[in-house]
Amino acid sequence: MASSTGSSPACRRRSSDRCRRALAGLLFAGLALGAAAAGLPEYARQALAHFSPDVPAGWAYTLTTVRNEAGIRERFDPARPPAARWTLEQTEGRAPKPRELEQYGRARLAGTATAPQATFQKSDLDLGSFTLVREDAARGEFLGEFRAEAAGPDKMLGHLSVRLIVDRTGPHVEACVLELKAPYSPVLGVRMRSLVVRTDYLPPAEDRPSLPRETNSRFVGRIFFFGVEENLRVTYADYRRSP
């Protein structure tokens, strides 16, 4: 029987060529990232090499979210089945009612309730733009921008500056602060006047990497004719490596 088109020598050559081009692209991106970081102090390069804005895969944790005055506490465990990875433990300072648990479960399944995610990936940082703002024996503070590819005119990252506070002992990124550079309208009827998002990270330990500890954000703006001010605090606790 004749070989199928998908397994022909020509197809295998094309597939091999695509793999080589993909690997070359990854290698080039890694070299470019390293070259961009070359102007940073050695301790900053070491910290950025292990920096992850989000919780890495494979970790369970408890998340407490307080939005203005309302708060909930949830537990995430990646070892559980996908539909049961998130558990609502507390809402408004009390145990959730059966109806609230049902609503929470539906929201999680529908994807309308999601884990907080950093607004960027490490690869979005334009390391060549970072300049040293201040430095002492304990830490250094660097101010920079996002890469043009990640911060186009229609993308939120293009309107944010990024400040990294690097602990020189370790070393590790101690805090990351995103701040709106100027008032901005992402969509019709919405006006962002100010936004500051600060995430603080735990120092690395023998049994774990540096992990998010707390995120605080303050937003002031307008939605149509209504002024809006929102203060959000997200706290991470009880980290456990999931099997």
C-alpha atoms as a PDB file:
ATOM      1  CA  MET A   1       0.000   0.000   0.000  1.00  0.00           C
ATOM      2  CA  ALA A   2       1.323   3.476  -0.816  1.00  0.00           C
ATOM      3  CA  SER A   3       2.459   5.678   2.064  1.00  0.00           C
ATOM      4  CA  SER A   4       0.068   8.425   3.117  1.00  0.00           C
ATOM      5  CA  THR A   5       0.946  12.007   2.312  1.00  0.00           C
ATOM      6  CA  GLY A   6       1.539  12.816   6.019  1.00  0.00           C
ATOM      7  CA  SER A   7       4.366  10.283   6.224  1.00  0.00           C
ATOM      8  CA  SER A   8       6.044  10.974   2.876  1.00  0.00           C
ATOM      9  CA  PRO A   9       9.749  11.930   2.842  1.00  0.00           C
ATOM     10  CA  ALA A  10       8.903  15.422   1.595  1.00  0.00           C
ATOM     11  CA  CYS A  11       6.443  15.931   4.456  1.00  0.00           C
ATOM     12  CA  ARG A  12       8.985  14.692   6.982  1.00  0.00           C
ATOM     13  CA  ARG A  13      11.552  17.122   5.572  1.00  0.00           C
ATOM     14  CA  ARG A  14       9.090  20.016   5.851  1.00  0.00           C
ATOM     15  CA  SER A  15       8.263  19.050   9.428  1.00  0.00           C
ATOM     16  CA  SER A  16      11.953  18.790  10.259  1.00  0.00           C
ATOM     17  CA  ASP A  17      12.578  22.212   8.719  1.00  0.00           C
ATOM     18  CA  ARG A  18       9.774  23.731  10.787  1.00  0.00           C
ATOM     19  CA  CYS A  19      11.208  22.208  13.971  1.00  0.00           C
ATOM     20  CA  ARG A  20      14.655  23.586  13.182  1.00  0.00           C
ATOM     21  CA  ARG A  21      13.217  27.048  12.514  1.00  0.00           C
ATOM     22  CA  ALA A  22      11.223  26.935  15.767  1.00  0.00           C
ATOM     23  CA  LEU A  23      14.271  25.869  17.772  1.00  0.00           C
ATOM     24  CA  ALA A  24      16.349  28.570  16.105  1.00  0.00           C
ATOM     25  CA  GLY A  25      13.700  31.134  17.022  1.00  0.00           C
ATOM     26  CA  LEU A  26      13.694  30.035  20.655  1.00  0.00           C
ATOM     27  CA  LEU A  27      17.475  30.144  20.760  1.00  0.00           C
ATOM     28  CA  PHE A  28      17.485  33.631  19.224  1.00  0.00           C
ATOM     29  CA  ALA A  29      14.890  34.844  21.744  1.00  0.00           C
ATOM     30  CA  GLY A  30      16.966  33.463  24.613  1.00  0.00           C
ATOM     31  CA  LEU A  31      20.126  35.108  23.285  1.00  0.00           C
ATOM     32  CA  ALA A  32      18.292  38.416  22.800  1.00  0.00           C
ATOM     33  CA  LEU A  33      16.940  38.276  26.352  1.00  0.00           C
ATOM     34  CA  GLY A  34      20.401  37.584  27.699  1.00  0.00           C
ATOM     35  CA  ALA A  35      21.926  40.377  25.623  1.00  0.00           C
ATOM     36  CA  ALA A  36      19.296  42.847  26.808  1.00  0.00           C
ATOM     37  CA  ALA A  37      20.024  41.940  30.429  1.00  0.00           C
ATOM     38  CA  ALA A  38      23.774  42.295  29.933  1.00  0.00           C
ATOM     39  CA  GLY A  39      23.681  45.945  31.048  1.00  0.00           C
ATOM     40  CA  LEU A  40      22.095  45.078  34.395  1.00  0.00           C
ATOM     41  CA  PRO A  41      24.115  44.325  37.549  1.00  0.00           C
ATOM     42  CA  GLU A  42      24.896  40.665  38.123  1.00  0.00           C
ATOM     43  CA  TYR A  43      22.491  40.352  41.056  1.00  0.00           C
ATOM     44  CA  ALA A  44      19.629  41.739  38.917  1.00  0.00           C
ATOM     45  CA  ARG A  45      20.381  39.277  36.100  1.00  0.00           C
ATOM     46  CA  GLN A  46      20.344  36.379  38.573  1.00  0.00           C
ATOM     47  CA  ALA A  47      17.045  37.549  40.059  1.00  0.00           C
ATOM     48  CA  LEU A  48      15.384  37.928  36.656  1.00  0.00           C
ATOM     49  CA  ALA A  49      16.595  34.508  35.523  1.00  0.00           C
ATOM     50  CA  HIS A  50      14.335  32.911  38.170  1.00  0.00           C
ATOM     51  CA  PHE A  51      11.539  35.502  38.196  1.00  0.00           C
ATOM     52  CA  SER A  52       7.958  34.347  37.588  1.00  0.00           C
ATOM     53  CA  PRO A  53       5.177  36.974  37.837  1.00  0.00           C
ATOM     54  CA  ASP A  54       2.576  34.257  38.549  1.00  0.00           C
ATOM     55  CA  VAL A  55       2.472  31.188  40.758  1.00  0.00           C
ATOM     56  CA  PRO A  56       4.383  28.469  38.845  1.00  0.00           C
ATOM     57  CA  ALA A  57       2.561  25.299  37.858  1.00  0.00           C
ATOM     58  CA  GLY A  58       2.417  22.519  40.421  1.00  0.00           C
ATOM     59  CA  TRP A  59       1.687  24.562  43.551  1.00  0.00           C
ATOM     60  CA  ALA A  60      -1.407  24.517  45.758  1.00  0.00           C
ATOM     61  CA  TYR A  61      -2.241  27.632  47.753  1.00  0.00           C
ATOM     62  CA  THR A  62      -4.940  29.564  49.593  1.00  0.00           C
ATOM     63  CA  LEU A  63      -6.105  32.834  48.074  1.00  0.00           C
ATOM     64  CA  THR A  64      -7.836  35.609  50.020  1.00  0.00           C
ATOM     65  CA  THR A  65      -9.304  38.403  47.887  1.00  0.00           C
ATOM     66  CA  VAL A  66     -10.661  41.629  49.391  1.00  0.00           C
ATOM     67  CA  ARG A  67     -12.294  44.008  46.893  1.00  0.00           C
ATOM     68  CA  ASN A  68     -13.083  47.285  48.646  1.00  0.00           C
ATOM     69  CA  GLU A  69     -14.853  45.839  51.722  1.00  0.00           C
ATOM     70  CA  ALA A  70     -16.002  42.454  50.371  1.00  0.00           C
ATOM     71  CA  GLY A  71     -13.779  39.394  50.661  1.00  0.00           C
ATOM     72  CA  ILE A  72     -13.607  35.684  49.887  1.00  0.00           C
ATOM     73  CA  ARG A  73     -11.119  32.910  50.649  1.00  0.00           C
ATOM     74  CA  GLU A  74     -10.444  30.090  48.179  1.00  0.00           C
ATOM     75  CA  ARG A  75      -8.159  27.078  47.958  1.00  0.00           C
ATOM     76  CA  PHE A  76      -6.509  25.942  44.731  1.00  0.00           C
ATOM     77  CA  ASP A  77      -5.081  22.431  44.323  1.00  0.00           C
ATOM     78  CA  PRO A  78      -3.843  21.402  40.859  1.00  0.00           C
ATOM     79  CA  ALA A  79      -3.748  17.722  41.907  1.00  0.00           C
ATOM     80  CA  ARG A  80      -7.536  17.560  42.019  1.00  0.00           C
ATOM     81  CA  PRO A  81      -9.781  17.018  38.969  1.00  0.00           C
ATOM     82  CA  PRO A  82     -10.148  20.176  36.863  1.00  0.00           C
ATOM     83  CA  ALA A  83     -13.728  20.849  37.986  1.00  0.00           C
ATOM     84  CA  ALA A  84     -12.767  20.587  41.672  1.00  0.00           C
ATOM     85  CA  ARG A  85      -9.427  22.391  41.785  1.00  0.00           C
ATOM     86  CA  TRP A  86     -10.951  25.534  43.296  1.00  0.00           C
ATOM     87  CA  THR A  87     -12.802  25.369  46.621  1.00  0.00           C
ATOM     88  CA  LEU A  88     -14.656  28.266  48.230  1.00  0.00           C
ATOM     89  CA  GLU A  89     -13.755  28.222  51.951  1.00  0.00           C
ATOM     90  CA  GLN A  90     -15.117  31.547  53.189  1.00  0.00           C
ATOM     91  CA  THR A  91     -17.153  34.498  51.993  1.00  0.00           C
ATOM     92  CA  GLU A  92     -17.795  37.751  53.862  1.00  0.00           C
ATOM     93  CA  GLY A  93     -16.007  36.308  56.906  1.00  0.00           C
ATOM     94  CA  ARG A  94     -18.253  33.240  57.247  1.00  0.00           C
ATOM     95  CA  ALA A  95     -18.695  29.759  55.839  1.00  0.00           C
ATOM     96  CA  PRO A  96     -20.448  29.819  52.453  1.00  0.00           C
ATOM     97  CA  LYS A  97     -24.076  28.766  52.197  1.00  0.00           C
ATOM     98  CA  PRO A  98     -25.068  25.857  49.921  1.00  0.00           C
ATOM     99  CA  ARG A  99     -26.538  28.270  47.370  1.00  0.00           C
ATOM    100  CA  GLU A 100     -23.289  30.277  47.327  1.00  0.00           C
ATOM    101  CA  LEU A 101     -21.233  27.113  46.859  1.00  0.00           C
ATOM    102  CA  GLU A 102     -23.443  26.139  43.923  1.00  0.00           C
ATOM    103  CA  GLN A 103     -23.099  29.580  42.321  1.00  0.00           C
ATOM    104  CA  TYR A 104     -19.351  29.541  42.876  1.00  0.00           C
ATOM    105  CA  GLY A 105     -19.006  26.101  41.297  1.00  0.00           C
ATOM    106  CA  ARG A 106     -21.001  27.184  38.236  1.00  0.00           C
ATOM    107  CA  ALA A 107     -18.900  30.325  37.857  1.00  0.00           C
ATOM    108  CA  ARG A 108     -15.684  28.322  38.014  1.00  0.00           C
ATOM    109  CA  LEU A 109     -16.921  25.812  35.454  1.00  0.00           C
ATOM    110  CA  ALA A 110     -18.080  28.619  33.169  1.00  0.00           C
ATOM    111  CA  GLY A 111     -14.738  30.355  33.489  1.00  0.00           C
ATOM    112  CA  THR A 112     -16.276  33.586  34.790  1.00  0.00           C
ATOM    113  CA  ALA A 113     -14.327  33.206  38.040  1.00  0.00           C
ATOM    114  CA  THR A 114     -10.621  32.857  37.388  1.00  0.00           C
ATOM    115  CA  ALA A 115      -7.398  32.919  39.326  1.00  0.00           C
ATOM    116  CA  PRO A 116      -5.693  36.298  39.418  1.00  0.00           C
ATOM    117  CA  GLN A 117      -2.984  36.443  36.794  1.00  0.00           C
ATOM    118  CA  ALA A 118      -0.151  38.863  36.314  1.00  0.00           C
ATOM    119  CA  THR A 119      -0.801  41.206  33.429  1.00  0.00           C
ATOM    120  CA  PHE A 120       2.464  40.202  31.761  1.00  0.00           C
ATOM    121  CA  GLN A 121       4.997  37.443  31.247  1.00  0.00           C
ATOM    122  CA  LYS A 122       8.695  37.760  31.947  1.00  0.00           C
ATOM    123  CA  SER A 123       9.364  37.671  28.195  1.00  0.00           C
ATOM    124  CA  ASP A 124       7.277  40.873  27.827  1.00  0.00           C
ATOM    125  CA  LEU A 125       9.881  42.914  29.712  1.00  0.00           C
ATOM    126  CA  ASP A 126      12.212  45.072  27.640  1.00  0.00           C
ATOM    127  CA  LEU A 127      15.282  44.430  29.767  1.00  0.00           C
ATOM    128  CA  GLY A 128      17.363  46.821  27.704  1.00  0.00           C
ATOM    129  CA  SER A 129      15.112  49.710  28.824  1.00  0.00           C
ATOM    130  CA  PHE A 130      15.676  49.198  32.548  1.00  0.00           C
ATOM    131  CA  THR A 131      17.746  51.792  34.367  1.00  0.00           C
ATOM    132  CA  LEU A 132      18.929  51.798  37.959  1.00  0.00           C
ATOM    133  CA  VAL A 133      16.876  54.300  39.984  1.00  0.00           C
ATOM    134  CA  ARG A 134      18.457  53.744  43.385  1.00  0.00           C
ATOM    135  CA  GLU A 135      20.628  51.175  45.094  1.00  0.00           C
ATOM    136  CA  ASP A 136      21.983  50.373  48.540  1.00  0.00           C
ATOM    137  CA  ALA A 137      23.617  47.395  50.202  1.00  0.00           C
ATOM    138  CA  ALA A 138      20.289  45.543  50.519  1.00  0.00           C
ATOM    139  CA  ARG A 139      18.436  46.133  47.241  1.00  0.00           C
ATOM    140  CA  GLY A 140      18.301  47.842  43.874  1.00  0.00           C
ATOM    141  CA  GLU A 141      15.356  49.521  42.181  1.00  0.00           C
ATOM    142  CA  PHE A 142      14.997  49.504  38.388  1.00  0.00           C
ATOM    143  CA  LEU A 143      12.532  51.341  36.134  1.00  0.00           C
ATOM    144  CA  GLY A 144      11.730  50.128  32.630  1.00  0.00           C
ATOM    145  CA  GLU A 145       9.194  49.421  29.908  1.00  0.00           C
ATOM    146  CA  PHE A 146       7.611  46.486  28.095  1.00  0.00           C
ATOM    147  CA  ARG A 147       8.759  45.207  24.716  1.00  0.00           C
ATOM    148  CA  ALA A 148       7.164  46.891  21.701  1.00  0.00           C
ATOM    149  CA  GLU A 149       5.647  43.570  20.559  1.00  0.00           C
ATOM    150  CA  ALA A 150       3.814  43.220  23.893  1.00  0.00           C
ATOM    151  CA  ALA A 151       3.001  46.908  24.330  1.00  0.00           C
ATOM    152  CA  GLY A 152       1.382  47.968  21.069  1.00  0.00           C
ATOM    153  CA  PRO A 153      -0.776  51.115  20.986  1.00  0.00           C
ATOM    154  CA  ASP A 154      -3.952  49.091  21.552  1.00  0.00           C
ATOM    155  CA  LYS A 155      -2.540  47.004  24.397  1.00  0.00           C
ATOM    156  CA  MET A 156      -2.649  47.795  28.097  1.00  0.00           C
ATOM    157  CA  LEU A 157       1.055  47.109  28.669  1.00  0.00           C
ATOM    158  CA  GLY A 158       1.926  50.012  26.391  1.00  0.00           C
ATOM    159  CA  HIS A 159       0.372  52.384  28.934  1.00  0.00           C
ATOM    160  CA  LEU A 160       2.183  51.000  31.978  1.00  0.00           C
ATOM    161  CA  SER A 161       5.622  51.535  33.420  1.00  0.00           C
ATOM    162  CA  VAL A 162       7.210  48.717  35.404  1.00  0.00           C
ATOM    163  CA  ARG A 163       9.385  49.059  38.482  1.00  0.00           C
ATOM    164  CA  LEU A 164      11.334  46.095  39.840  1.00  0.00           C
ATOM    165  CA  ILE A 165      12.701  46.077  43.376  1.00  0.00           C
ATOM    166  CA  VAL A 166      15.434  43.456  43.591  1.00  0.00           C
ATOM    167  CA  ASP A 167      16.684  42.047  46.878  1.00  0.00           C
ATOM    168  CA  ARG A 168      20.434  41.614  46.548  1.00  0.00           C
ATOM    169  CA  THR A 169      20.525  38.743  49.063  1.00  0.00           C
ATOM    170  CA  GLY A 170      19.346  35.629  47.304  1.00  0.00           C
ATOM    171  CA  PRO A 171      18.939  37.413  44.968  1.00  0.00           C
ATOM    172  CA  HIS A 172      15.288  37.689  43.927  1.00  0.00           C
ATOM    173  CA  VAL A 173      12.638  40.140  42.739  1.00  0.00           C
ATOM    174  CA  GLU A 174      11.149  41.432  45.965  1.00  0.00           C
ATOM    175  CA  ALA A 175       8.395  43.522  44.390  1.00  0.00           C
ATOM    176  CA  CYS A 176       7.024  44.518  40.999  1.00  0.00           C
ATOM    177  CA  VAL A 177       5.040  47.742  40.590  1.00  0.00           C
ATOM    178  CA  LEU A 178       2.969  48.549  37.500  1.00  0.00           C
ATOM    179  CA  GLU A 179       1.736  52.127  37.128  1.00  0.00           C
ATOM    180  CA  LEU A 180      -0.400  53.875  34.537  1.00  0.00           C
ATOM    181  CA  LYS A 181       1.711  56.554  32.829  1.00  0.00           C
ATOM    182  CA  ALA A 182      -1.198  58.827  31.834  1.00  0.00           C
ATOM    183  CA  PRO A 183      -5.030  58.716  31.746  1.00  0.00           C
ATOM    184  CA  TYR A 184      -6.226  56.145  29.232  1.00  0.00           C
ATOM    185  CA  SER A 185      -9.507  54.906  27.696  1.00  0.00           C
ATOM    186  CA  PRO A 186      -9.252  51.161  26.906  1.00  0.00           C
ATOM    187  CA  VAL A 187     -12.838  51.019  25.556  1.00  0.00           C
ATOM    188  CA  LEU A 188     -15.605  53.482  24.797  1.00  0.00           C
ATOM    189  CA  GLY A 189     -17.159  54.838  27.984  1.00  0.00           C
ATOM    190  CA  VAL A 190     -14.304  53.778  30.281  1.00  0.00           C
ATOM    191  CA  ARG A 191     -11.656  56.240  31.441  1.00  0.00           C
ATOM    192  CA  MET A 192      -8.744  55.064  33.561  1.00  0.00           C
ATOM    193  CA  ARG A 193      -7.327  58.006  35.507  1.00  0.00           C
ATOM    194  CA  SER A 194      -4.832  56.149  37.658  1.00  0.00           C
ATOM    195  CA  LEU A 195      -3.822  52.561  38.299  1.00  0.00           C
ATOM    196  CA  VAL A 196      -1.091  51.185  40.552  1.00  0.00           C
ATOM    197  CA  VAL A 197      -0.568  47.433  40.988  1.00  0.00           C
ATOM    198  CA  ARG A 198       2.126  46.184  43.360  1.00  0.00           C
ATOM    199  CA  THR A 199       2.972  42.501  43.854  1.00  0.00           C
ATOM    200  CA  ASP A 200       5.327  41.454  46.639  1.00  0.00           C
ATOM    201  CA  TYR A 201       7.150  38.115  46.509  1.00  0.00           C
ATOM    202  CA  LEU A 202       8.421  35.706  49.127  1.00  0.00           C
ATOM    203  CA  PRO A 203      12.180  35.105  49.114  1.00  0.00           C
ATOM    204  CA  PRO A 204      13.234  31.720  47.703  1.00  0.00           C
ATOM    205  CA  ALA A 205      13.894  28.868  50.127  1.00  0.00           C
ATOM    206  CA  GLU A 206      15.509  25.444  49.873  1.00  0.00           C
ATOM    207  CA  ASP A 207      12.205  23.728  49.176  1.00  0.00           C
ATOM    208  CA  ARG A 208      10.556  26.330  46.937  1.00  0.00           C
ATOM    209  CA  PRO A 209      11.222  29.208  44.506  1.00  0.00           C
ATOM    210  CA  SER A 210      10.232  32.809  45.074  1.00  0.00           C
ATOM    211  CA  LEU A 211       6.415  32.967  45.065  1.00  0.00           C
ATOM    212  CA  PRO A 212       3.810  35.757  45.129  1.00  0.00           C
ATOM    213  CA  ARG A 213       2.919  36.889  48.654  1.00  0.00           C
ATOM    214  CA  GLU A 214       0.449  39.736  48.142  1.00  0.00           C
ATOM    215  CA  THR A 215      -0.905  41.967  45.390  1.00  0.00           C
ATOM    216  CA  ASN A 216      -2.378  45.397  46.111  1.00  0.00           C
ATOM    217  CA  SER A 217      -3.997  47.529  43.417  1.00  0.00           C
ATOM    218  CA  ARG A 218      -5.809  50.856  43.356  1.00  0.00           C
ATOM    219  CA  PHE A 219      -7.856  51.978  40.381  1.00  0.00           C
ATOM    220  CA  VAL A 220      -9.513  55.373  39.920  1.00  0.00           C
ATOM    221  CA  GLY A 221     -11.541  56.139  36.838  1.00  0.00           C
ATOM    222  CA  ARG A 222     -14.916  56.598  35.244  1.00  0.00           C
ATOM    223  CA  ILE A 223     -17.418  54.227  33.634  1.00  0.00           C
ATOM    224  CA  PHE A 224     -19.778  56.290  31.491  1.00  0.00           C
ATOM    225  CA  PHE A 225     -21.022  58.980  33.928  1.00  0.00           C
ATOM    226  CA  PHE A 226     -20.052  57.250  37.155  1.00  0.00           C
ATOM    227  CA  GLY A 227     -16.819  57.746  39.019  1.00  0.00           C
ATOM    228  CA  VAL A 228     -15.204  54.485  40.159  1.00  0.00           C
ATOM    229  CA  GLU A 229     -12.578  53.802  42.787  1.00  0.00           C
ATOM    230  CA  GLU A 230     -11.523  50.232  43.536  1.00  0.00           C
ATOM    231  CA  ASN A 231      -9.014  48.909  46.019  1.00  0.00           C
ATOM    232  CA  LEU A 232      -8.076  45.250  45.704  1.00  0.00           C
ATOM    233  CA  ARG A 233      -5.872  43.112  47.931  1.00  0.00           C
ATOM    234  CA  VAL A 234      -5.006  39.509  47.052  1.00  0.00           C
ATOM    235  CA  THR A 235      -3.070  37.452  49.599  1.00  0.00           C
ATOM    236  CA  TYR A 236      -1.395  34.084  48.913  1.00  0.00           C
ATOM    237  CA  ALA A 237      -0.795  31.626  51.760  1.00  0.00           C
ATOM    238  CA  ASP A 238      -0.318  27.962  52.683  1.00  0.00           C
ATOM    239  CA  TYR A 239       1.761  27.005  49.646  1.00  0.00           C
ATOM    240  CA  ARG A 240       2.169  23.269  49.115  1.00  0.00           C
ATOM    241  CA  ARG A 241       3.881  21.525  46.240  1.00  0.00           C
ATOM    242  CA  SER A 242       1.265  19.384  44.549  1.00  0.00           C
ATOM    243  CA  PRO A 243       2.161  15.834  43.530  1.00  0.00           C
END
